[in-house]
Full PDB file with SEQRES, HELIX, SHEET, SSBOND, CRYST1, ORIGX, SCALE, CONECT and MASTER records, all heavy atoms in Angstrom:
SEQRES   1 A   35  VAL LYS LYS THR LEU ALA MET GLY VAL PRO LEU ALA ILE          
SEQRES   2 A   35  LEU ILE PHE GLY GLU ARG GLU ASP LEU PRO LEU ILE LEU          
SEQRES   3 A   35  LEU PRO VAL MET LEU TYR HIS PRO LEU                          
HELIX    1 AA1 LEU A    5  PHE A   16  1                                  12    
HELIX    2 AA2 LEU A   22  TYR A   32  1                                  11    
CRYST1    1.000    1.000    1.000  90.00  90.00  90.00 P 1           1          
ORIGX1      1.000000  0.000000  0.000000        0.00000                         
ORIGX2      0.000000  1.000000  0.000000        0.00000                         
ORIGX3      0.000000  0.000000  1.000000        0.00000                         
SCALE1      1.000000  0.000000  0.000000        0.00000                         
SCALE2      0.000000  1.000000  0.000000        0.00000                         
SCALE3      0.000000  0.000000  1.000000        0.00000                         
ATOM      1  N   VAL A   1     109.998 169.637 108.350  1.00  0.00           N  
ATOM      2  CA  VAL A   1     109.946 168.176 108.237  1.00  0.00           C  
ATOM      3  C   VAL A   1     108.524 167.624 108.280  1.00  0.00           C  
ATOM      4  O   VAL A   1     108.314 166.449 107.968  1.00  0.00           O  
ATOM      5  CB  VAL A   1     110.784 167.508 109.347  1.00  0.00           C  
ATOM      6  CG1 VAL A   1     112.220 167.987 109.300  1.00  0.00           C  
ATOM      7  CG2 VAL A   1     110.188 167.773 110.726  1.00  0.00           C  
ATOM      8  N   LYS A   2     107.540 168.441 108.647  1.00  0.00           N  
ATOM      9  CA  LYS A   2     106.175 167.939 108.793  1.00  0.00           C  
ATOM     10  C   LYS A   2     105.399 168.099 107.492  1.00  0.00           C  
ATOM     11  O   LYS A   2     105.631 169.035 106.731  1.00  0.00           O  
ATOM     12  CB  LYS A   2     105.464 168.669 109.935  1.00  0.00           C  
ATOM     13  CG  LYS A   2     106.122 168.407 111.296  1.00  0.00           C  
ATOM     14  CD  LYS A   2     105.366 169.075 112.409  1.00  0.00           C  
ATOM     15  CE  LYS A   2     104.008 168.435 112.631  1.00  0.00           C  
ATOM     16  NZ  LYS A   2     104.118 167.007 112.983  1.00  0.00           N  
ATOM     17  N   LYS A   3     104.485 167.177 107.250  1.00  0.00           N  
ATOM     18  CA  LYS A   3     103.643 167.181 106.059  1.00  0.00           C  
ATOM     19  C   LYS A   3     102.178 167.083 106.476  1.00  0.00           C  
ATOM     20  O   LYS A   3     101.831 166.346 107.399  1.00  0.00           O  
ATOM     21  CB  LYS A   3     104.004 166.018 105.134  1.00  0.00           C  
ATOM     22  CG  LYS A   3     105.420 166.081 104.582  1.00  0.00           C  
ATOM     23  CD  LYS A   3     105.604 167.269 103.653  1.00  0.00           C  
ATOM     24  CE  LYS A   3     106.993 167.301 103.058  1.00  0.00           C  
ATOM     25  NZ  LYS A   3     107.154 168.438 102.096  1.00  0.00           N  
ATOM     26  N   THR A   4     101.325 167.835 105.776  1.00  0.00           N  
ATOM     27  CA  THR A   4      99.927 167.898 106.155  1.00  0.00           C  
ATOM     28  C   THR A   4      99.125 166.734 105.592  1.00  0.00           C  
ATOM     29  O   THR A   4      99.183 166.454 104.381  1.00  0.00           O  
ATOM     30  CB  THR A   4      99.297 169.228 105.704  1.00  0.00           C  
ATOM     31  OG1 THR A   4      97.890 169.212 105.978  1.00  0.00           O  
ATOM     32  CG2 THR A   4      99.522 169.480 104.218  1.00  0.00           C  
ATOM     33  N   LEU A   5      98.405 166.063 106.463  1.00  0.00           N  
ATOM     34  CA  LEU A   5      97.483 165.011 106.038  1.00  0.00           C  
ATOM     35  C   LEU A   5      96.125 165.599 105.700  1.00  0.00           C  
ATOM     36  O   LEU A   5      95.451 165.139 104.774  1.00  0.00           O  
ATOM     37  CB  LEU A   5      97.338 163.965 107.142  1.00  0.00           C  
ATOM     38  CG  LEU A   5      96.374 162.810 106.876  1.00  0.00           C  
ATOM     39  CD1 LEU A   5      96.888 161.941 105.744  1.00  0.00           C  
ATOM     40  CD2 LEU A   5      96.180 161.969 108.136  1.00  0.00           C  
ATOM     41  N   ALA A   6      95.732 166.659 106.436  1.00  0.00           N  
ATOM     42  CA  ALA A   6      94.412 167.262 106.237  1.00  0.00           C  
ATOM     43  C   ALA A   6      94.253 167.809 104.824  1.00  0.00           C  
ATOM     44  O   ALA A   6      93.194 167.668 104.203  1.00  0.00           O  
ATOM     45  CB  ALA A   6      94.188 168.374 107.262  1.00  0.00           C  
ATOM     46  N   MET A   7      95.293 168.458 104.286  1.00  0.00           N  
ATOM     47  CA  MET A   7      95.238 168.955 102.918  1.00  0.00           C  
ATOM     48  C   MET A   7      95.710 167.899 101.928  1.00  0.00           C  
ATOM     49  O   MET A   7      95.285 167.886 100.767  1.00  0.00           O  
ATOM     50  CB  MET A   7      96.088 170.224 102.768  1.00  0.00           C  
ATOM     51  CG  MET A   7      96.041 170.831 101.375  1.00  0.00           C  
ATOM     52  SD  MET A   7      97.038 172.327 101.199  1.00  0.00           S  
ATOM     53  CE  MET A   7      96.092 173.460 102.200  1.00  0.00           C  
ATOM     54  N   GLY A   8      96.581 167.007 102.371  1.00  0.00           N  
ATOM     55  CA  GLY A   8      97.158 166.034 101.458  1.00  0.00           C  
ATOM     56  C   GLY A   8      96.149 165.076 100.865  1.00  0.00           C  
ATOM     57  O   GLY A   8      96.209 164.763  99.667  1.00  0.00           O  
ATOM     58  N   VAL A   9      95.196 164.610 101.670  1.00  0.00           N  
ATOM     59  CA  VAL A   9      94.213 163.643 101.170  1.00  0.00           C  
ATOM     60  C   VAL A   9      93.265 164.268 100.149  1.00  0.00           C  
ATOM     61  O   VAL A   9      93.086 163.720  99.047  1.00  0.00           O  
ATOM     62  CB  VAL A   9      93.437 163.011 102.341  1.00  0.00           C  
ATOM     63  CG1 VAL A   9      92.301 162.141 101.824  1.00  0.00           C  
ATOM     64  CG2 VAL A   9      94.365 162.190 103.224  1.00  0.00           C  
ATOM     65  N   PRO A  10      92.627 165.430 100.440  1.00  0.00           N  
ATOM     66  CA  PRO A  10      91.745 166.023  99.416  1.00  0.00           C  
ATOM     67  C   PRO A  10      92.478 166.398  98.136  1.00  0.00           C  
ATOM     68  O   PRO A  10      91.945 166.218  97.040  1.00  0.00           O  
ATOM     69  CB  PRO A  10      91.184 167.274 100.119  1.00  0.00           C  
ATOM     70  CG  PRO A  10      91.330 167.008 101.569  1.00  0.00           C  
ATOM     71  CD  PRO A  10      92.572 166.195 101.708  1.00  0.00           C  
ATOM     72  N   LEU A  11      93.711 166.917  98.266  1.00  0.00           N  
ATOM     73  CA  LEU A  11      94.472 167.271  97.071  1.00  0.00           C  
ATOM     74  C   LEU A  11      94.799 166.032  96.243  1.00  0.00           C  
ATOM     75  O   LEU A  11      94.739 166.064  95.010  1.00  0.00           O  
ATOM     76  CB  LEU A  11      95.765 167.989  97.462  1.00  0.00           C  
ATOM     77  CG  LEU A  11      95.662 169.473  97.829  1.00  0.00           C  
ATOM     78  CD1 LEU A  11      97.030 170.012  98.211  1.00  0.00           C  
ATOM     79  CD2 LEU A  11      95.083 170.286  96.685  1.00  0.00           C  
ATOM     80  N   ALA A  12      95.147 164.943  96.917  1.00  0.00           N  
ATOM     81  CA  ALA A  12      95.458 163.706  96.201  1.00  0.00           C  
ATOM     82  C   ALA A  12      94.240 163.189  95.445  1.00  0.00           C  
ATOM     83  O   ALA A  12      94.364 162.676  94.323  1.00  0.00           O  
ATOM     84  CB  ALA A  12      95.970 162.650  97.174  1.00  0.00           C  
ATOM     85  N   ILE A  13      93.064 163.314  96.041  1.00  0.00           N  
ATOM     86  CA  ILE A  13      91.848 162.854  95.375  1.00  0.00           C  
ATOM     87  C   ILE A  13      91.593 163.669  94.111  1.00  0.00           C  
ATOM     88  O   ILE A  13      91.173 163.135  93.075  1.00  0.00           O  
ATOM     89  CB  ILE A  13      90.655 162.934  96.338  1.00  0.00           C  
ATOM     90  CG1 ILE A  13      90.829 161.917  97.473  1.00  0.00           C  
ATOM     91  CG2 ILE A  13      89.341 162.687  95.615  1.00  0.00           C  
ATOM     92  CD1 ILE A  13      89.775 162.006  98.535  1.00  0.00           C  
ATOM     93  N   LEU A  14      91.873 164.977  94.165  1.00  0.00           N  
ATOM     94  CA  LEU A  14      91.681 165.815  92.984  1.00  0.00           C  
ATOM     95  C   LEU A  14      92.739 165.543  91.917  1.00  0.00           C  
ATOM     96  O   LEU A  14      92.442 165.512  90.724  1.00  0.00           O  
ATOM     97  CB  LEU A  14      91.719 167.288  93.378  1.00  0.00           C  
ATOM     98  CG  LEU A  14      90.493 167.836  94.107  1.00  0.00           C  
ATOM     99  CD1 LEU A  14      90.689 169.287  94.462  1.00  0.00           C  
ATOM    100  CD2 LEU A  14      89.244 167.674  93.257  1.00  0.00           C  
ATOM    101  N   ILE A  15      93.997 165.357  92.358  1.00  0.00           N  
ATOM    102  CA  ILE A  15      95.093 165.188  91.404  1.00  0.00           C  
ATOM    103  C   ILE A  15      95.109 163.788  90.801  1.00  0.00           C  
ATOM    104  O   ILE A  15      95.305 163.610  89.595  1.00  0.00           O  
ATOM    105  CB  ILE A  15      96.440 165.489  92.085  1.00  0.00           C  
ATOM    106  CG1 ILE A  15      96.485 166.958  92.530  1.00  0.00           C  
ATOM    107  CG2 ILE A  15      97.603 165.212  91.143  1.00  0.00           C  
ATOM    108  CD1 ILE A  15      97.713 167.307  93.359  1.00  0.00           C  
ATOM    109  N   PHE A  16      94.889 162.762  91.650  1.00  0.00           N  
ATOM    110  CA  PHE A  16      95.000 161.370  91.197  1.00  0.00           C  
ATOM    111  C   PHE A  16      93.681 160.626  91.241  1.00  0.00           C  
ATOM    112  O   PHE A  16      93.659 159.396  91.146  1.00  0.00           O  
ATOM    113  CB  PHE A  16      95.999 160.604  92.079  1.00  0.00           C  
ATOM    114  CG  PHE A  16      97.348 161.256  92.207  1.00  0.00           C  
ATOM    115  CD1 PHE A  16      97.704 161.937  93.353  1.00  0.00           C  
ATOM    116  CD2 PHE A  16      98.272 161.177  91.176  1.00  0.00           C  
ATOM    117  CE1 PHE A  16      98.952 162.523  93.491  1.00  0.00           C  
ATOM    118  CE2 PHE A  16      99.527 161.757  91.293  1.00  0.00           C  
ATOM    119  CZ  PHE A  16      99.870 162.437  92.452  1.00  0.00           C  
ATOM    120  N   GLY A  17      92.582 161.344  91.419  1.00  0.00           N  
ATOM    121  CA  GLY A  17      91.301 160.700  91.716  1.00  0.00           C  
ATOM    122  C   GLY A  17      90.828 159.703  90.686  1.00  0.00           C  
ATOM    123  O   GLY A  17      90.060 158.785  91.006  1.00  0.00           O  
ATOM    124  N   GLU A  18      91.239 159.857  89.433  1.00  0.00           N  
ATOM    125  CA  GLU A  18      90.773 158.951  88.387  1.00  0.00           C  
ATOM    126  C   GLU A  18      91.557 157.642  88.346  1.00  0.00           C  
ATOM    127  O   GLU A  18      91.214 156.741  87.588  1.00  0.00           O  
ATOM    128  CB  GLU A  18      90.865 159.651  87.025  1.00  0.00           C  
ATOM    129  CG  GLU A  18      89.958 160.875  86.911  1.00  0.00           C  
ATOM    130  CD  GLU A  18      90.051 161.530  85.559  1.00  0.00           C  
ATOM    131  OE1 GLU A  18      90.873 161.056  84.741  1.00  0.00           O  
ATOM    132  OE2 GLU A  18      89.320 162.504  85.313  1.00  0.00           O  
ATOM    133  N   ARG A  19      92.602 157.527  89.142  1.00  0.00           N  
ATOM    134  CA  ARG A  19      93.425 156.313  89.134  1.00  0.00           C  
ATOM    135  C   ARG A  19      92.922 155.320  90.181  1.00  0.00           C  
ATOM    136  O   ARG A  19      92.618 155.694  91.314  1.00  0.00           O  
ATOM    137  CB  ARG A  19      94.883 156.676  89.401  1.00  0.00           C  
ATOM    138  CG  ARG A  19      95.496 157.510  88.302  1.00  0.00           C  
ATOM    139  CD  ARG A  19      96.895 157.968  88.623  1.00  0.00           C  
ATOM    140  NE  ARG A  19      97.794 156.883  89.009  1.00  0.00           N  
ATOM    141  CZ  ARG A  19      99.096 157.040  89.198  1.00  0.00           C  
ATOM    142  NH1 ARG A  19      99.651 158.238  89.029  1.00  0.00           N  
ATOM    143  NH2 ARG A  19      99.846 156.017  89.548  1.00  0.00           N  
ATOM    144  N   GLU A  20      92.853 154.057  89.801  1.00  0.00           N  
ATOM    145  CA  GLU A  20      92.364 153.033  90.724  1.00  0.00           C  
ATOM    146  C   GLU A  20      93.393 152.693  91.803  1.00  0.00           C  
ATOM    147  O   GLU A  20      93.049 152.075  92.813  1.00  0.00           O  
ATOM    148  CB  GLU A  20      91.996 151.767  89.967  1.00  0.00           C  
ATOM    149  CG  GLU A  20      93.166 151.074  89.290  1.00  0.00           C  
ATOM    150  CD  GLU A  20      92.780 149.760  88.655  1.00  0.00           C  
ATOM    151  OE1 GLU A  20      91.564 149.506  88.517  1.00  0.00           O  
ATOM    152  OE2 GLU A  20      93.690 149.001  88.311  1.00  0.00           O  
ATOM    153  N   ASP A  21      94.659 153.110  91.600  1.00  0.00           N  
ATOM    154  CA  ASP A  21      95.696 152.841  92.596  1.00  0.00           C  
ATOM    155  C   ASP A  21      95.895 154.015  93.555  1.00  0.00           C  
ATOM    156  O   ASP A  21      96.958 154.164  94.149  1.00  0.00           O  
ATOM    157  CB  ASP A  21      97.022 152.494  91.912  1.00  0.00           C  
ATOM    158  CG  ASP A  21      97.456 153.560  90.902  1.00  0.00           C  
ATOM    159  OD1 ASP A  21      96.764 154.586  90.785  1.00  0.00           O  
ATOM    160  OD2 ASP A  21      98.487 153.356  90.237  1.00  0.00           O  
ATOM    161  N   LEU A  22      94.858 154.843  93.717  1.00  0.00           N  
ATOM    162  CA  LEU A  22      94.933 155.985  94.633  1.00  0.00           C  
ATOM    163  C   LEU A  22      95.349 155.571  96.048  1.00  0.00           C  
ATOM    164  O   LEU A  22      96.140 156.264  96.686  1.00  0.00           O  
ATOM    165  CB  LEU A  22      93.596 156.722  94.666  1.00  0.00           C  
ATOM    166  CG  LEU A  22      93.489 157.902  95.647  1.00  0.00           C  
ATOM    167  CD1 LEU A  22      94.486 158.995  95.296  1.00  0.00           C  
ATOM    168  CD2 LEU A  22      92.066 158.460  95.661  1.00  0.00           C  
ATOM    169  N   PRO A  23      94.839 154.453  96.616  1.00  0.00           N  
ATOM    170  CA  PRO A  23      95.285 154.060  97.959  1.00  0.00           C  
ATOM    171  C   PRO A  23      96.796 153.859  98.059  1.00  0.00           C  
ATOM    172  O   PRO A  23      97.394 154.162  99.089  1.00  0.00           O  
ATOM    173  CB  PRO A  23      94.534 152.754  98.214  1.00  0.00           C  
ATOM    174  CG  PRO A  23      93.321 152.856  97.361  1.00  0.00           C  
ATOM    175  CD  PRO A  23      93.764 153.577  96.128  1.00  0.00           C  
ATOM    176  N   LEU A  24      97.422 153.336  96.996  1.00  0.00           N  
ATOM    177  CA  LEU A  24      98.871 153.173  97.027  1.00  0.00           C  
ATOM    178  C   LEU A  24      99.575 154.529  97.003  1.00  0.00           C  
ATOM    179  O   LEU A  24     100.624 154.703  97.625  1.00  0.00           O  
ATOM    180  CB  LEU A  24      99.332 152.326  95.839  1.00  0.00           C  
ATOM    181  CG  LEU A  24      98.882 150.869  95.819  1.00  0.00           C  
ATOM    182  CD1 LEU A  24      99.471 150.156  94.613  1.00  0.00           C  
ATOM    183  CD2 LEU A  24      99.283 150.162  97.105  1.00  0.00           C  
ATOM    184  N   ILE A  25      99.006 155.490  96.295  1.00  0.00           N  
ATOM    185  CA  ILE A  25      99.582 156.835  96.259  1.00  0.00           C  
ATOM    186  C   ILE A  25      99.475 157.493  97.631  1.00  0.00           C  
ATOM    187  O   ILE A  25     100.375 158.220  98.063  1.00  0.00           O  
ATOM    188  CB  ILE A  25      98.876 157.680  95.185  1.00  0.00           C  
ATOM    189  CG1 ILE A  25      99.095 157.065  93.807  1.00  0.00           C  
ATOM    190  CG2 ILE A  25      99.368 159.130  95.206  1.00  0.00           C  
ATOM    191  CD1 ILE A  25      98.325 157.749  92.690  1.00  0.00           C  
ATOM    192  N   LEU A  26      98.392 157.222  98.347  1.00  0.00           N  
ATOM    193  CA  LEU A  26      98.190 157.805  99.679  1.00  0.00           C  
ATOM    194  C   LEU A  26      99.001 157.099 100.768  1.00  0.00           C  
ATOM    195  O   LEU A  26      99.177 157.648 101.854  1.00  0.00           O  
ATOM    196  CB  LEU A  26      96.708 157.755 100.062  1.00  0.00           C  
ATOM    197  CG  LEU A  26      95.775 158.736  99.347  1.00  0.00           C  
ATOM    198  CD1 LEU A  26      94.335 158.447  99.724  1.00  0.00           C  
ATOM    199  CD2 LEU A  26      96.137 160.170  99.709  1.00  0.00           C  
ATOM    200  N   LEU A  27      99.480 155.894 100.485  1.00  0.00           N  
ATOM    201  CA  LEU A  27     100.171 155.114 101.508  1.00  0.00           C  
ATOM    202  C   LEU A  27     101.372 155.838 102.115  1.00  0.00           C  
ATOM    203  O   LEU A  27     101.506 155.865 103.345  1.00  0.00           O  
ATOM    204  CB  LEU A  27     100.587 153.758 100.930  1.00  0.00           C  
ATOM    205  CG  LEU A  27     101.234 152.776 101.913  1.00  0.00           C  
ATOM    206  CD1 LEU A  27     100.282 152.452 103.059  1.00  0.00           C  
ATOM    207  CD2 LEU A  27     101.646 151.486 101.198  1.00  0.00           C  
ATOM    208  N   PRO A  28     102.290 156.443 101.340  1.00  0.00           N  
ATOM    209  CA  PRO A  28     103.413 157.153 101.970  1.00  0.00           C  
ATOM    210  C   PRO A  28     102.964 158.284 102.887  1.00  0.00           C  
ATOM    211  O   PRO A  28     103.547 158.485 103.962  1.00  0.00           O  
ATOM    212  CB  PRO A  28     104.200 157.686 100.764  1.00  0.00           C  
ATOM    213  CG  PRO A  28     103.887 156.745  99.658  1.00  0.00           C  
ATOM    214  CD  PRO A  28     102.453 156.376  99.868  1.00  0.00           C  
ATOM    215  N   VAL A  29     101.934 159.030 102.497  1.00  0.00           N  
ATOM    216  CA  VAL A  29     101.431 160.112 103.343  1.00  0.00           C  
ATOM    217  C   VAL A  29     100.852 159.559 104.638  1.00  0.00           C  
ATOM    218  O   VAL A  29     101.075 160.101 105.730  1.00  0.00           O  
ATOM    219  CB  VAL A  29     100.362 160.934 102.590  1.00  0.00           C  
ATOM    220  CG1 VAL A  29      99.871 162.091 103.442  1.00  0.00           C  
ATOM    221  CG2 VAL A  29     100.915 161.446 101.271  1.00  0.00           C  
ATOM    222  N   MET A  30     100.118 158.444 104.527  1.00  0.00           N  
ATOM    223  CA  MET A  30      99.519 157.833 105.709  1.00  0.00           C  
ATOM    224  C   MET A  30     100.577 157.285 106.663  1.00  0.00           C  
ATOM    225  O   MET A  30     100.404 157.314 107.883  1.00  0.00           O  
ATOM    226  CB  MET A  30      98.574 156.709 105.277  1.00  0.00           C  
ATOM    227  CG  MET A  30      97.345 157.191 104.551  1.00  0.00           C  
ATOM    228  SD  MET A  30      96.332 158.246 105.605  1.00  0.00           S  
ATOM    229  CE  MET A  30      95.962 157.119 106.932  1.00  0.00           C  
ATOM    230  N   LEU A  31     101.670 156.773 106.146  1.00  0.00           N  
ATOM    231  CA  LEU A  31     102.744 156.259 106.991  1.00  0.00           C  
ATOM    232  C   LEU A  31     103.590 157.380 107.578  1.00  0.00           C  
ATOM    233  O   LEU A  31     104.050 157.291 108.722  1.00  0.00           O  
ATOM    234  CB  LEU A  31     103.633 155.305 106.181  1.00  0.00           C  
ATOM    235  CG  LEU A  31     102.976 154.017 105.688  1.00  0.00           C  
ATOM    236  CD1 LEU A  31     103.932 153.244 104.794  1.00  0.00           C  
ATOM    237  CD2 LEU A  31     102.525 153.152 106.859  1.00  0.00           C  
ATOM    238  N   TYR A  32     103.784 158.429 106.811  1.00  0.00           N  
ATOM    239  CA  TYR A  32     104.617 159.545 107.265  1.00  0.00           C  
ATOM    240  C   TYR A  32     103.957 160.310 108.417  1.00  0.00           C  
ATOM    241  O   TYR A  32     104.646 160.785 109.327  1.00  0.00           O  
ATOM    242  CB  TYR A  32     104.871 160.497 106.090  1.00  0.00           C  
ATOM    243  CG  TYR A  32     105.958 161.514 106.317  1.00  0.00           C  
ATOM    244  CD1 TYR A  32     107.266 161.262 105.910  1.00  0.00           C  
ATOM    245  CD2 TYR A  32     105.682 162.740 106.916  1.00  0.00           C  
ATOM    246  CE1 TYR A  32     108.263 162.205 106.100  1.00  0.00           C  
ATOM    247  CE2 TYR A  32     106.673 163.684 107.120  1.00  0.00           C  
ATOM    248  CZ  TYR A  32     107.968 163.409 106.705  1.00  0.00           C  
ATOM    249  OH  TYR A  32     108.954 164.348 106.912  1.00  0.00           O  
ATOM    250  N   HIS A  33     102.631 160.406 108.382  1.00  0.00           N  
ATOM    251  CA  HIS A  33     101.922 161.229 109.370  1.00  0.00           C  
ATOM    252  C   HIS A  33     102.132 160.741 110.811  1.00  0.00           C  
ATOM    253  O   HIS A  33     102.560 161.528 111.665  1.00  0.00           O  
ATOM    254  CB  HIS A  33     100.433 161.277 109.037  1.00  0.00           C  
ATOM    255  CG  HIS A  33      99.625 162.143 109.950  1.00  0.00           C  
ATOM    256  ND1 HIS A  33      99.727 163.513 109.951  1.00  0.00           N  
ATOM    257  CD2 HIS A  33      98.728 161.824 110.915  1.00  0.00           C  
ATOM    258  CE1 HIS A  33      98.915 164.017 110.864  1.00  0.00           C  
ATOM    259  NE2 HIS A  33      98.292 163.009 111.465  1.00  0.00           N  
ATOM    260  N   PRO A  34     101.852 159.473 111.149  1.00  0.00           N  
ATOM    261  CA  PRO A  34     102.096 159.042 112.533  1.00  0.00           C  
ATOM    262  C   PRO A  34     103.577 159.037 112.895  1.00  0.00           C  
ATOM    263  O   PRO A  34     103.930 159.282 114.053  1.00  0.00           O  
ATOM    264  CB  PRO A  34     101.514 157.622 112.570  1.00  0.00           C  
ATOM    265  CG  PRO A  34     101.490 157.173 111.157  1.00  0.00           C  
ATOM    266  CD  PRO A  34     101.254 158.395 110.341  1.00  0.00           C  
ATOM    267  N   LEU A  35     104.451 158.773 111.918  1.00  0.00           N  
ATOM    268  CA  LEU A  35     105.887 158.782 112.197  1.00  0.00           C  
ATOM    269  C   LEU A  35     106.354 160.171 112.613  1.00  0.00           C  
ATOM    270  O   LEU A  35     107.111 160.318 113.577  1.00  0.00           O  
ATOM    271  CB  LEU A  35     106.658 158.315 110.958  1.00  0.00           C  
ATOM    272  CG  LEU A  35     108.194 158.402 111.044  1.00  0.00           C  
ATOM    273  CD1 LEU A  35     108.720 157.501 112.153  1.00  0.00           C  
ATOM    274  CD2 LEU A  35     108.819 158.020 109.701  1.00  0.00           C  
TER     275      LEU A  35                                                      
MASTER        0    0    0    2    0    0    0    6  274    1    0    3          
END                                                                             
């Protein structure tokens, strides 16, 4: 049930880095981590 934030953020930057809505893509990961 756990998801990695440490790897998730760098991978997201590589996969979606050219998109200006990257913060919205990261939002679910950022909310899931403290939960």
